[in-house]
Protein backbone atom coordinates (compact mmCIF):
# COMPACT_ATOMS: atom_id res chain seq x y z
CA MET A 1 115.65 108.44 122.51
CA ALA A 2 112.13 107.27 121.59
CA VAL A 3 110.61 108.30 124.89
CA ASN A 4 111.98 111.83 124.56
CA VAL A 5 110.57 112.32 121.05
CA ILE A 6 107.15 110.90 121.91
CA ASP A 7 106.98 112.93 125.12
CA ARG A 8 107.76 116.12 123.20
CA VAL A 9 104.95 115.40 120.75
CA ARG A 10 102.53 114.83 123.63
CA GLU A 11 103.62 117.98 125.42
CA GLN A 12 103.28 120.16 122.33
CA ARG A 13 100.25 118.48 120.67
CA PRO A 14 101.23 119.70 117.18
CA LEU A 15 98.40 120.48 114.78
CA ILE A 16 98.99 118.46 111.61
CA HIS A 17 97.22 119.42 108.41
CA HIS A 18 96.41 116.37 106.31
CA ILE A 19 95.45 116.41 102.66
CA THR A 20 95.09 112.70 102.51
CA ASN A 21 93.47 109.50 101.36
CA ALA A 22 89.69 109.54 101.91
CA VAL A 23 89.73 105.83 102.74
CA VAL A 24 91.89 106.34 105.84
CA MET A 25 90.91 109.71 107.29
CA ASN A 26 89.12 108.43 110.40
CA PHE A 27 91.79 105.85 111.22
CA THR A 28 94.54 108.40 110.67
CA ALA A 29 92.86 111.02 112.86
CA ASN A 30 92.32 108.59 115.73
CA GLY A 31 95.82 107.17 115.44
CA LEU A 32 97.42 110.61 115.49
CA LEU A 33 95.35 111.62 118.52
CA ALA A 34 96.49 108.48 120.33
CA PHE A 35 100.11 109.23 119.44
CA GLY A 36 99.83 112.75 120.81
CA GLY A 37 99.22 115.01 117.84
CA SER A 38 96.13 116.88 116.70
CA PRO A 39 94.65 116.33 113.21
CA ILE A 40 92.97 118.75 110.85
CA MET A 41 91.88 117.71 107.35
CA ALA A 42 90.91 120.60 105.11
CA ASN A 43 90.73 119.79 101.39
CA ALA A 44 89.12 122.83 99.74
CA LYS A 45 91.70 124.74 97.73
CA GLN A 46 90.04 127.98 98.87
CA GLU A 47 91.23 127.43 102.47
CA VAL A 48 94.16 125.00 102.52
CA ALA A 49 96.86 127.67 102.56
CA GLU A 50 95.18 129.44 105.47
CA VAL A 51 94.74 126.19 107.40
CA THR A 52 98.34 125.21 106.74
CA ARG A 53 99.55 128.51 108.20
CA LEU A 54 97.72 127.61 111.42
CA SER A 55 99.41 124.21 111.57
CA GLN A 56 102.77 122.88 112.70
CA GLY A 57 103.14 120.23 109.99
CA LEU A 58 101.67 119.14 106.63
CA LEU A 59 101.07 115.64 105.26
CA LEU A 60 100.37 115.14 101.55
CA ASN A 61 99.00 111.68 100.71
CA ILE A 62 97.94 110.96 97.11
CA GLY A 63 95.90 107.84 97.84
CA THR A 64 92.56 109.08 96.44
CA LEU A 65 93.45 111.78 93.96
CA HIS A 66 91.21 114.26 92.18
CA GLU A 67 91.99 117.48 90.35
CA ASN A 68 90.90 119.92 93.06
CA GLN A 69 92.88 118.00 95.66
CA VAL A 70 96.05 118.25 93.60
CA GLU A 71 95.73 122.03 93.42
CA ALA A 72 95.04 122.08 97.16
CA MET A 73 98.23 120.10 97.82
CA ILE A 74 100.35 122.53 95.84
CA LEU A 75 98.83 125.56 97.58
CA ALA A 76 99.23 123.98 101.01
CA GLY A 77 102.77 122.89 100.24
CA ARG A 78 103.78 126.37 99.19
CA ALA A 79 102.24 127.83 102.35
CA ALA A 80 104.10 125.28 104.48
CA ASN A 81 107.37 126.19 102.79
CA GLU A 82 106.72 129.89 103.38
CA ILE A 83 106.36 129.43 107.13
CA GLY A 84 109.02 126.73 107.42
CA ILE A 85 107.03 123.78 108.77
CA PRO A 86 107.74 120.10 107.91
CA VAL A 87 106.11 118.61 104.81
CA VAL A 88 105.82 114.83 104.36
CA LEU A 89 104.80 113.23 101.05
CA ASP A 90 103.27 109.75 100.86
CA PRO A 91 103.30 108.87 97.12
CA VAL A 92 100.68 106.13 97.44
CA GLY A 93 100.59 103.93 94.35
CA ALA A 94 102.85 106.27 92.39
CA PRO A 95 103.79 103.63 89.79
CA ALA A 96 100.19 102.53 89.19
CA THR A 97 99.06 105.19 86.68
CA ARG A 98 100.57 107.95 84.57
CA TYR A 99 98.28 110.49 86.24
CA ARG A 100 99.41 109.50 89.72
CA SER A 101 103.04 109.54 88.66
CA GLY A 102 102.63 112.97 87.10
CA VAL A 103 101.06 114.39 90.24
CA CYS A 104 104.01 113.15 92.27
CA GLN A 105 106.44 114.83 89.92
CA ARG A 106 104.54 118.10 90.14
CA ILE A 107 104.60 118.05 93.93
CA LEU A 108 108.29 117.17 93.93
CA GLN A 109 109.04 120.09 91.62
CA GLU A 110 106.89 122.71 93.36
CA VAL A 111 107.09 121.84 97.07
CA LYS A 112 110.17 121.47 99.26
CA LEU A 113 109.70 118.24 101.20
CA THR A 114 111.09 117.19 104.57
CA VAL A 115 110.52 113.45 104.16
CA ILE A 116 109.17 111.17 101.44
CA LYS A 117 107.68 107.97 102.90
CA GLY A 118 106.60 105.02 100.81
CA ASN A 119 107.12 101.35 100.06
CA ALA A 120 109.96 100.09 97.88
CA GLY A 121 107.95 100.22 94.66
CA GLU A 122 106.72 103.76 95.24
CA LEU A 123 110.12 105.16 96.13
CA ALA A 124 111.91 103.27 93.37
CA HIS A 125 109.50 104.75 90.83
CA LEU A 126 110.49 108.26 91.90
CA VAL A 127 114.11 107.53 90.95
CA ASP A 128 113.39 105.47 87.81
CA GLN A 129 114.31 102.12 89.34
CA ASP A 130 112.51 98.86 88.56
CA VAL A 131 110.83 97.07 91.45
CA ASP A 132 107.97 94.56 91.29
CA THR A 133 104.74 96.19 92.48
CA LYS A 134 101.06 95.39 92.94
CA GLY A 135 99.05 98.59 92.78
CA VAL A 136 99.73 100.44 96.01
CA ASP A 137 101.39 97.51 97.80
CA SER A 138 104.92 96.53 96.86
CA THR A 139 105.92 92.93 97.54
CA GLY A 140 108.99 92.60 95.28
CA GLU A 141 112.60 92.33 96.43
CA ALA A 142 114.51 95.60 96.42
CA ASP A 143 117.64 97.13 97.80
CA ALA A 144 115.87 99.51 100.14
CA GLU A 145 119.08 101.10 101.32
CA ALA A 146 120.10 102.02 97.78
CA ILE A 147 116.61 103.32 97.02
CA VAL A 148 116.42 105.65 100.02
CA ARG A 149 119.89 106.98 99.25
CA LEU A 150 118.85 107.73 95.66
CA VAL A 151 115.59 109.41 96.71
CA ALA A 152 117.28 111.48 99.40
CA GLU A 153 120.03 112.62 97.03
CA LYS A 154 117.80 113.36 94.04
CA TYR A 155 115.20 115.36 95.96
CA GLN A 156 117.40 116.68 98.78
CA THR A 157 115.02 115.34 101.39
CA GLY A 158 114.70 112.58 103.96
CA ALA A 159 113.43 109.22 102.72
CA VAL A 160 111.74 106.32 104.51
CA CYS A 161 111.10 102.97 102.82
CA THR A 162 108.58 100.86 104.73
CA GLY A 163 108.48 97.09 104.66
CA GLU A 164 109.32 94.06 106.78
CA LYS A 165 112.23 96.24 107.89
CA ASP A 166 111.91 100.00 107.57
CA VAL A 167 114.93 101.73 106.05
CA GLY A 168 115.48 105.48 106.23
CA CYS A 169 117.99 108.03 105.01
CA ILE A 170 118.32 111.41 106.69
CA ASP A 171 121.26 113.72 105.93
CA LYS A 172 123.04 110.86 104.08
CA ASP A 173 122.81 108.65 107.18
CA VAL A 174 121.03 105.33 106.54
CA PHE A 175 119.29 103.51 109.41
CA VAL A 176 117.03 100.48 109.89
CA ASN A 177 114.02 99.80 112.12
CA GLU A 178 113.13 96.16 112.75
CA THR A 179 110.05 96.56 114.95
CA GLY A 180 106.61 95.78 113.56
CA HIS A 181 104.14 92.95 112.96
CA PRO A 182 102.66 91.23 109.86
CA LEU A 183 99.14 92.29 110.88
CA LEU A 184 100.02 95.84 109.83
CA ALA A 185 100.00 94.60 106.23
CA GLN A 186 96.47 93.22 106.69
CA ILE A 187 94.76 96.51 107.55
CA THR A 188 94.19 99.42 105.21
CA GLY A 189 95.84 102.71 106.06
CA SER A 190 98.68 101.50 108.27
CA GLY A 191 101.27 103.22 106.10
CA CYS A 192 99.12 106.33 105.75
CA LEU A 193 98.90 106.65 109.53
CA LEU A 194 102.66 106.25 109.81
CA GLY A 195 103.07 109.26 107.52
CA SER A 196 100.91 111.29 109.89
CA LEU A 197 102.94 110.29 112.94
CA LEU A 198 106.22 111.06 111.18
CA THR A 199 104.91 114.53 110.36
CA ALA A 200 104.02 115.10 114.01
CA SER A 201 107.43 113.98 115.25
CA LEU A 202 109.23 116.18 112.75
CA THR A 203 107.58 119.27 114.28
CA VAL A 204 109.33 118.95 117.64
CA GLU A 205 112.90 119.93 118.44
CA GLY A 206 115.66 117.37 118.04
CA ASN A 207 117.79 115.48 115.55
CA PRO A 208 115.74 114.59 112.43
CA LYS A 209 117.15 111.05 112.20
CA GLU A 210 116.38 110.38 115.86
CA LYS A 211 112.84 111.72 115.47
CA VAL A 212 112.13 109.50 112.46
CA LEU A 213 113.70 106.40 113.98
CA ALA A 214 111.91 106.93 117.30
CA THR A 215 108.58 107.15 115.48
CA LEU A 216 109.22 104.02 113.43
CA SER A 217 110.25 102.13 116.56
CA HIS A 218 107.25 103.27 118.60
CA TYR A 219 104.88 102.44 115.74
CA GLY A 220 106.33 98.97 115.30
CA ARG A 221 106.36 98.21 119.02
CA ALA A 222 102.75 99.32 119.30
CA ALA A 223 101.87 96.81 116.58
CA GLU A 224 103.78 94.06 118.39
CA GLN A 225 102.05 94.83 121.69
CA ALA A 226 98.63 94.92 120.07
CA ALA A 227 99.16 91.63 118.24
CA ASP A 228 100.16 89.94 121.50
CA HIS A 229 96.94 90.95 123.25
CA PRO A 230 94.76 87.89 124.04
CA ASP A 231 91.68 89.54 122.53
CA VAL A 232 93.32 89.91 119.10
CA LYS A 233 92.19 87.16 116.72
CA GLY A 234 92.97 88.87 113.42
CA PRO A 235 93.03 92.24 111.65
CA GLY A 236 89.58 93.33 112.84
CA THR A 237 90.37 92.96 116.53
CA PHE A 238 93.93 94.20 115.99
CA ILE A 239 92.95 97.76 114.98
CA PRO A 240 91.49 99.02 118.30
CA ARG A 241 94.30 97.40 120.30
CA PHE A 242 96.85 99.00 117.99
CA VAL A 243 95.37 102.47 118.52
CA ASP A 244 95.41 101.82 122.27
CA ALA A 245 99.06 100.77 122.11
CA LEU A 246 100.01 103.92 120.19
CA ALA A 247 98.75 105.91 123.17
CA MET A 248 100.97 104.06 125.63
CA GLY A 249 104.37 105.33 126.73
CA ALA A 250 107.40 104.79 124.51
CA GLU A 251 110.07 102.37 125.69
CA LYS A 252 113.30 103.91 126.94
């Protein structure tokens, strides 16, 4: 399953428009290229709709918000809906501030989403559930399966809750991915990159659940392979090996 999805991405090289977190743009672009997609990152509201119409998928990541970017996200999201391409929302730090929470609600109301990807705290906030959070990183206990079901039902979209185990819900079907490595939690932007790869996979033909699960599995296995490399001593040496591993073939 995974090998078929990853191969399709690499054959088609989908152009993914990112309106994303300024902290992670370089890492995200390189990671997506390694995975097999092609990144573009236009932020000006004067051009985002036009760029989106040239793309095969759209990622909206609210990590470093500002007013012009919010308007750009809405315009890009509407354009994506008009041409029928996948839209993924990463509600980074949604519970942290009222402004951030309000932006999420506006996007949810004005843009039809394909998948919402976040940690337990971020997703729980979108459905008015209480989960312990620390800024943008959630470390509290949560029933991830219940949360993804609630998010998927409320917003009529796919939902992916990342954590020690990733839990997803697509078309009312809940699934779990257990691949991954603790070093992913020690580098900035690991979740943001995952949102980019999910967007790329959703552009190719196939079952949506299989595409999401294949991406989660490949991402986690790449982290495991990178962490096992003898040159990796910690998060700094992990990053380049992780990008290398993303470029390797998926396991059958």
